[in-house]
Amino acid sequence: MVTKSYTVKGMTCGHCVGAVSGEVGALPGVERVDVELATGEVTVTSERPLDPGSVRAAVEEAGYELGDER
């Protein structure tokens, strides 16, 4: 298992959390997505390392902006 954390900009409510969780969680190999609304931190656990472009595209599809990887 691989765990990476990212900052997502623009989330303000529970709907935002659900949208980001749903899009990122649909990426192949993703096992778990944890979103901390207050800080914008999104932690993704996957079977293997994810392509950063795929994560960015999923976050953008949800309507938000991917910041830094932590």
PDB file of N, CA and C in Angstrom:
ATOM      1  N   MET A   1       0.831  -1.187   0.000  1.00  0.00           N
ATOM      2  CA  MET A   1       0.000   0.000   0.000  1.00  0.00           C
ATOM      3  C   MET A   1       0.878   1.255   0.000  1.00  0.00           C
ATOM      4  N   VAL A   2       0.399   2.277  -0.675  1.00  0.00           N
ATOM      5  CA  VAL A   2       1.081   3.555  -0.772  1.00  0.00           C
ATOM      6  C   VAL A   2       0.131   4.624  -0.262  1.00  0.00           C
ATOM      7  N   THR A   3       0.637   5.516   0.592  1.00  0.00           N
ATOM      8  CA  THR A   3      -0.179   6.619   1.105  1.00  0.00           C
ATOM      9  C   THR A   3       0.490   7.938   0.749  1.00  0.00           C
ATOM     10  N   LYS A   4      -0.277   8.825   0.122  1.00  0.00           N
ATOM     11  CA  LYS A   4       0.202  10.165  -0.242  1.00  0.00           C
ATOM     12  C   LYS A   4      -0.828  11.181   0.222  1.00  0.00           C
ATOM     13  N   SER A   5      -0.343  12.352   0.599  1.00  0.00           N
ATOM     14  CA  SER A   5      -1.230  13.446   0.986  1.00  0.00           C
ATOM     15  C   SER A   5      -1.046  14.619   0.036  1.00  0.00           C
ATOM     16  N   TYR A   6      -2.144  15.294  -0.224  1.00  0.00           N
ATOM     17  CA  TYR A   6      -2.178  16.431  -1.143  1.00  0.00           C
ATOM     18  C   TYR A   6      -2.956  17.563  -0.484  1.00  0.00           C
ATOM     19  N   THR A   7      -2.746  18.761  -0.956  1.00  0.00           N
ATOM     20  CA  THR A   7      -3.564  19.900  -0.557  1.00  0.00           C
ATOM     21  C   THR A   7      -4.526  20.192  -1.703  1.00  0.00           C
ATOM     22  N   VAL A   8      -5.795  20.337  -1.358  1.00  0.00           N
ATOM     23  CA  VAL A   8      -6.808  20.688  -2.355  1.00  0.00           C
ATOM     24  C   VAL A   8      -7.372  22.038  -1.982  1.00  0.00           C
ATOM     25  N   LYS A   9      -7.374  22.950  -2.949  1.00  0.00           N
ATOM     26  CA  LYS A   9      -7.833  24.316  -2.705  1.00  0.00           C
ATOM     27  C   LYS A   9      -9.277  24.481  -3.158  1.00  0.00           C
ATOM     28  N   GLY A  10     -10.055  25.241  -2.367  1.00  0.00           N
ATOM     29  CA  GLY A  10     -11.404  25.602  -2.764  1.00  0.00           C
ATOM     30  C   GLY A  10     -12.517  24.837  -2.076  1.00  0.00           C
ATOM     31  N   MET A  11     -12.197  23.837  -1.264  1.00  0.00           N
ATOM     32  CA  MET A  11     -13.241  23.084  -0.575  1.00  0.00           C
ATOM     33  C   MET A  11     -13.778  23.904   0.607  1.00  0.00           C
ATOM     34  N   THR A  12     -15.109  23.975   0.718  1.00  0.00           N
ATOM     35  CA  THR A  12     -15.710  24.771   1.790  1.00  0.00           C
ATOM     36  C   THR A  12     -16.806  24.055   2.563  1.00  0.00           C
ATOM     37  N   CYS A  13     -17.222  22.848   2.112  1.00  0.00           N
ATOM     38  CA  CYS A  13     -18.358  22.205   2.780  1.00  0.00           C
ATOM     39  C   CYS A  13     -18.314  20.683   2.601  1.00  0.00           C
ATOM     40  N   GLY A  14     -19.291  20.024   3.183  1.00  0.00           N
ATOM     41  CA  GLY A  14     -19.376  18.574   3.083  1.00  0.00           C
ATOM     42  C   GLY A  14     -19.577  18.091   1.655  1.00  0.00           C
ATOM     43  N   HIS A  15     -20.313  18.856   0.851  1.00  0.00           N
ATOM     44  CA  HIS A  15     -20.490  18.489  -0.554  1.00  0.00           C
ATOM     45  C   HIS A  15     -19.134  18.467  -1.263  1.00  0.00           C
ATOM     46  N   CYS A  16     -18.291  19.441  -0.956  1.00  0.00           N
ATOM     47  CA  CYS A  16     -16.946  19.499  -1.545  1.00  0.00           C
ATOM     48  C   CYS A  16     -16.159  18.235  -1.196  1.00  0.00           C
ATOM     49  N   VAL A  17     -16.227  17.855   0.062  1.00  0.00           N
ATOM     50  CA  VAL A  17     -15.525  16.653   0.527  1.00  0.00           C
ATOM     51  C   VAL A  17     -16.013  15.435  -0.247  1.00  0.00           C
ATOM     52  N   GLY A  18     -17.333  15.311  -0.401  1.00  0.00           N
ATOM     53  CA  GLY A  18     -17.898  14.180  -1.125  1.00  0.00           C
ATOM     54  C   GLY A  18     -17.494  14.154  -2.588  1.00  0.00           C
ATOM     55  N   ALA A  19     -17.468  15.320  -3.214  1.00  0.00           N
ATOM     56  CA  ALA A  19     -17.096  15.399  -4.625  1.00  0.00           C
ATOM     57  C   ALA A  19     -15.649  14.970  -4.841  1.00  0.00           C
ATOM     58  N   VAL A  20     -14.750  15.490  -4.015  1.00  0.00           N
ATOM     59  CA  VAL A  20     -13.328  15.142  -4.140  1.00  0.00           C
ATOM     60  C   VAL A  20     -13.118  13.666  -3.805  1.00  0.00           C
ATOM     61  N   SER A  21     -13.737  13.205  -2.739  1.00  0.00           N
ATOM     62  CA  SER A  21     -13.602  11.794  -2.346  1.00  0.00           C
ATOM     63  C   SER A  21     -14.089  10.866  -3.449  1.00  0.00           C
ATOM     64  N   GLY A  22     -15.212  11.214  -4.062  1.00  0.00           N
ATOM     65  CA  GLY A  22     -15.776  10.370  -5.112  1.00  0.00           C
ATOM     66  C   GLY A  22     -14.910  10.305  -6.349  1.00  0.00           C
ATOM     67  N   GLU A  23     -14.418  11.449  -6.805  1.00  0.00           N
ATOM     68  CA  GLU A  23     -13.590  11.474  -8.022  1.00  0.00           C
ATOM     69  C   GLU A  23     -12.243  10.798  -7.808  1.00  0.00           C
ATOM     70  N   VAL A  24     -11.572  11.127  -6.709  1.00  0.00           N
ATOM     71  CA  VAL A  24     -10.261  10.523  -6.441  1.00  0.00           C
ATOM     72  C   VAL A  24     -10.431   9.040  -6.119  1.00  0.00           C
ATOM     73  N   GLY A  25     -11.475   8.709  -5.381  1.00  0.00           N
ATOM     74  CA  GLY A  25     -11.731   7.316  -5.021  1.00  0.00           C
ATOM     75  C   GLY A  25     -12.035   6.430  -6.213  1.00  0.00           C
ATOM     76  N   ALA A  26     -12.453   7.016  -7.326  1.00  0.00           N
ATOM     77  CA  ALA A  26     -12.759   6.239  -8.533  1.00  0.00           C
ATOM     78  C   ALA A  26     -11.514   5.906  -9.355  1.00  0.00           C
ATOM     79  N   LEU A  27     -10.374   6.471  -8.997  1.00  0.00           N
ATOM     80  CA  LEU A  27      -9.138   6.157  -9.731  1.00  0.00           C
ATOM     81  C   LEU A  27      -8.767   4.694  -9.498  1.00  0.00           C
ATOM     82  N   PRO A  28      -8.280   4.006 -10.532  1.00  0.00           N
ATOM     83  CA  PRO A  28      -7.895   2.601 -10.388  1.00  0.00           C
ATOM     84  C   PRO A  28      -6.843   2.405  -9.291  1.00  0.00           C
ATOM     85  N   GLY A  29      -7.092   1.458  -8.422  1.00  0.00           N
ATOM     86  CA  GLY A  29      -6.139   1.114  -7.367  1.00  0.00           C
ATOM     87  C   GLY A  29      -6.327   1.856  -6.062  1.00  0.00           C
ATOM     88  N   VAL A  30      -7.190   2.871  -6.028  1.00  0.00           N
ATOM     89  CA  VAL A  30      -7.394   3.631  -4.793  1.00  0.00           C
ATOM     90  C   VAL A  30      -8.219   2.800  -3.821  1.00  0.00           C
ATOM     91  N   GLU A  31      -7.703   2.664  -2.624  1.00  0.00           N
ATOM     92  CA  GLU A  31      -8.366   1.897  -1.573  1.00  0.00           C
ATOM     93  C   GLU A  31      -9.137   2.793  -0.608  1.00  0.00           C
ATOM     94  N   ARG A  32      -8.591   3.995  -0.350  1.00  0.00           N
ATOM     95  CA  ARG A  32      -9.192   4.869   0.661  1.00  0.00           C
ATOM     96  C   ARG A  32      -8.829   6.320   0.378  1.00  0.00           C
ATOM     97  N   VAL A  33      -9.800   7.215   0.651  1.00  0.00           N
ATOM     98  CA  VAL A  33      -9.569   8.650   0.523  1.00  0.00           C
ATOM     99  C   VAL A  33     -10.078   9.306   1.799  1.00  0.00           C
ATOM    100  N   ASP A  34      -9.202  10.036   2.484  1.00  0.00           N
ATOM    101  CA  ASP A  34      -9.575  10.782   3.688  1.00  0.00           C
ATOM    102  C   ASP A  34      -9.384  12.261   3.406  1.00  0.00           C
ATOM    103  N   VAL A  35     -10.427  13.051   3.687  1.00  0.00           N
ATOM    104  CA  VAL A  35     -10.384  14.486   3.421  1.00  0.00           C
ATOM    105  C   VAL A  35     -10.574  15.244   4.724  1.00  0.00           C
ATOM    106  N   GLU A  36      -9.666  16.168   5.010  1.00  0.00           N
ATOM    107  CA  GLU A  36      -9.759  17.054   6.175  1.00  0.00           C
ATOM    108  C   GLU A  36     -10.162  18.425   5.653  1.00  0.00           C
ATOM    109  N   LEU A  37     -11.441  18.750   5.796  1.00  0.00           N
ATOM    110  CA  LEU A  37     -11.976  19.984   5.232  1.00  0.00           C
ATOM    111  C   LEU A  37     -11.276  21.225   5.765  1.00  0.00           C
ATOM    112  N   ALA A  38     -11.009  21.275   7.057  1.00  0.00           N
ATOM    113  CA  ALA A  38     -10.439  22.474   7.679  1.00  0.00           C
ATOM    114  C   ALA A  38      -9.076  22.853   7.101  1.00  0.00           C
ATOM    115  N   THR A  39      -8.280  21.847   6.735  1.00  0.00           N
ATOM    116  CA  THR A  39      -6.928  22.112   6.230  1.00  0.00           C
ATOM    117  C   THR A  39      -6.805  21.927   4.725  1.00  0.00           C
ATOM    118  N   GLY A  40      -7.796  21.277   4.111  1.00  0.00           N
ATOM    119  CA  GLY A  40      -7.726  20.981   2.684  1.00  0.00           C
ATOM    120  C   GLY A  40      -6.847  19.788   2.374  1.00  0.00           C
ATOM    121  N   GLU A  41      -6.458  19.047   3.395  1.00  0.00           N
ATOM    122  CA  GLU A  41      -5.572  17.906   3.177  1.00  0.00           C
ATOM    123  C   GLU A  41      -6.378  16.682   2.745  1.00  0.00           C
ATOM    124  N   VAL A  42      -5.917  16.056   1.670  1.00  0.00           N
ATOM    125  CA  VAL A  42      -6.529  14.841   1.157  1.00  0.00           C
ATOM    126  C   VAL A  42      -5.465  13.753   1.200  1.00  0.00           C
ATOM    127  N   THR A  43      -5.754  12.678   1.911  1.00  0.00           N
ATOM    128  CA  THR A  43      -4.820  11.563   2.027  1.00  0.00           C
ATOM    129  C   THR A  43      -5.394  10.383   1.252  1.00  0.00           C
ATOM    130  N   VAL A  44      -4.588   9.852   0.335  1.00  0.00           N
ATOM    131  CA  VAL A  44      -5.029   8.782  -0.549  1.00  0.00           C
ATOM    132  C   VAL A  44      -4.175   7.545  -0.291  1.00  0.00           C
ATOM    133  N   THR A  45      -4.841   6.428  -0.058  1.00  0.00           N
ATOM    134  CA  THR A  45      -4.160   5.149   0.084  1.00  0.00           C
ATOM    135  C   THR A  45      -4.506   4.310  -1.141  1.00  0.00           C
ATOM    136  N   SER A  46      -3.471   3.805  -1.803  1.00  0.00           N
ATOM    137  CA  SER A  46      -3.675   3.055  -3.038  1.00  0.00           C
ATOM    138  C   SER A  46      -2.785   1.816  -3.070  1.00  0.00           C
ATOM    139  N   GLU A  47      -3.134   0.917  -3.976  1.00  0.00           N
ATOM    140  CA  GLU A  47      -2.376  -0.326  -4.131  1.00  0.00           C
ATOM    141  C   GLU A  47      -0.963  -0.062  -4.635  1.00  0.00           C
ATOM    142  N   ARG A  48      -0.818   0.977  -5.452  1.00  0.00           N
ATOM    143  CA  ARG A  48       0.470   1.321  -6.052  1.00  0.00           C
ATOM    144  C   ARG A  48       0.532   2.840  -6.207  1.00  0.00           C
ATOM    145  N   PRO A  49       1.696   3.398  -6.483  1.00  0.00           N
ATOM    146  CA  PRO A  49       1.774   4.852  -6.669  1.00  0.00           C
ATOM    147  C   PRO A  49       0.841   5.308  -7.791  1.00  0.00           C
ATOM    148  N   LEU A  50       0.180   6.437  -7.560  1.00  0.00           N
ATOM    149  CA  LEU A  50      -0.734   6.995  -8.551  1.00  0.00           C
ATOM    150  C   LEU A  50      -0.009   8.005  -9.429  1.00  0.00           C
ATOM    151  N   ASP A  51      -0.440   8.090 -10.670  1.00  0.00           N
ATOM    152  CA  ASP A  51       0.069   9.094 -11.583  1.00  0.00           C
ATOM    153  C   ASP A  51      -0.407  10.468 -11.096  1.00  0.00           C
ATOM    154  N   PRO A  52       0.504  11.405 -10.821  1.00  0.00           N
ATOM    155  CA  PRO A  52       0.100  12.725 -10.335  1.00  0.00           C
ATOM    156  C   PRO A  52      -0.881  13.431 -11.260  1.00  0.00           C
ATOM    157  N   GLY A  53      -0.746  13.234 -12.560  1.00  0.00           N
ATOM    158  CA  GLY A  53      -1.668  13.842 -13.511  1.00  0.00           C
ATOM    159  C   GLY A  53      -3.079  13.308 -13.363  1.00  0.00           C
ATOM    160  N   SER A  54      -3.203  12.039 -13.027  1.00  0.00           N
ATOM    161  CA  SER A  54      -4.525  11.439 -12.813  1.00  0.00           C
ATOM    162  C   SER A  54      -5.186  12.000 -11.569  1.00  0.00           C
ATOM    163  N   VAL A  55      -4.398  12.191 -10.521  1.00  0.00           N
ATOM    164  CA  VAL A  55      -4.934  12.769  -9.287  1.00  0.00           C
ATOM    165  C   VAL A  55      -5.378  14.205  -9.552  1.00  0.00           C
ATOM    166  N   ARG A  56      -4.553  14.963 -10.237  1.00  0.00           N
ATOM    167  CA  ARG A  56      -4.897  16.355 -10.575  1.00  0.00           C
ATOM    168  C   ARG A  56      -6.181  16.405 -11.403  1.00  0.00           C
ATOM    169  N   ALA A  57      -6.292  15.538 -12.399  1.00  0.00           N
ATOM    170  CA  ALA A  57      -7.480  15.519 -13.258  1.00  0.00           C
ATOM    171  C   ALA A  57      -8.728  15.165 -12.460  1.00  0.00           C
ATOM    172  N   ALA A  58      -8.617  14.238 -11.522  1.00  0.00           N
ATOM    173  CA  ALA A  58      -9.772  13.845 -10.697  1.00  0.00           C
ATOM    174  C   ALA A  58     -10.221  15.005  -9.814  1.00  0.00           C
ATOM    175  N   VAL A  59      -9.265  15.704  -9.208  1.00  0.00           N
ATOM    176  CA  VAL A  59      -9.591  16.847  -8.356  1.00  0.00           C
ATOM    177  C   VAL A  59     -10.226  17.960  -9.190  1.00  0.00           C
ATOM    178  N   GLU A  60      -9.694  18.211 -10.365  1.00  0.00           N
ATOM    179  CA  GLU A  60     -10.246  19.242 -11.242  1.00  0.00           C
ATOM    180  C   GLU A  60     -11.631  18.856 -11.742  1.00  0.00           C
ATOM    181  N   GLU A  61     -11.865  17.578 -11.996  1.00  0.00           N
ATOM    182  CA  GLU A  61     -13.182  17.105 -12.420  1.00  0.00           C
ATOM    183  C   GLU A  61     -14.219  17.364 -11.320  1.00  0.00           C
ATOM    184  N   ALA A  62     -13.771  17.290 -10.075  1.00  0.00           N
ATOM    185  CA  ALA A  62     -14.656  17.573  -8.936  1.00  0.00           C
ATOM    186  C   ALA A  62     -14.891  19.076  -8.783  1.00  0.00           C
ATOM    187  N   GLY A  63     -14.076  19.894  -9.464  1.00  0.00           N
ATOM    188  CA  GLY A  63     -14.265  21.338  -9.430  1.00  0.00           C
ATOM    189  C   GLY A  63     -13.316  22.095  -8.517  1.00  0.00           C
ATOM    190  N   TYR A  64     -12.190  21.469  -8.170  1.00  0.00           N
ATOM    191  CA  TYR A  64     -11.250  22.082  -7.233  1.00  0.00           C
ATOM    192  C   TYR A  64      -9.849  22.084  -7.811  1.00  0.00           C
ATOM    193  N   GLU A  65      -8.933  22.679  -7.080  1.00  0.00           N
ATOM    194  CA  GLU A  65      -7.555  22.819  -7.548  1.00  0.00           C
ATOM    195  C   GLU A  65      -6.621  22.025  -6.656  1.00  0.00           C
ATOM    196  N   LEU A  66      -5.776  21.204  -7.278  1.00  0.00           N
ATOM    197  CA  LEU A  66      -4.794  20.432  -6.527  1.00  0.00           C
ATOM    198  C   LEU A  66      -3.603  21.292  -6.222  1.00  0.00           C
ATOM    199  N   GLY A  67      -3.221  21.355  -4.952  1.00  0.00           N
ATOM    200  CA  GLY A  67      -2.050  22.110  -4.530  1.00  0.00           C
ATOM    201  C   GLY A  67      -0.853  21.186  -4.433  1.00  0.00           C
ATOM    202  N   ASP A  68      -0.136  21.301  -3.346  1.00  0.00           N
ATOM    203  CA  ASP A  68       1.110  20.554  -3.150  1.00  0.00           C
ATOM    204  C   ASP A  68       0.876  19.129  -2.698  1.00  0.00           C
ATOM    205  N   GLU A  69       1.818  18.258  -3.094  1.00  0.00           N
ATOM    206  CA  GLU A  69       1.855  16.901  -2.562  1.00  0.00           C
ATOM    207  C   GLU A  69       2.646  16.961  -1.274  1.00  0.00           C
ATOM    208  N   ARG A  70       2.187  16.260  -0.289  1.00  0.00           N
ATOM    209  CA  ARG A  70       2.898  16.256   1.006  1.00  0.00           C
ATOM    210  C   ARG A  70       3.566  14.948   1.260  1.00  0.00           C
TER     211      ARG A  70
END
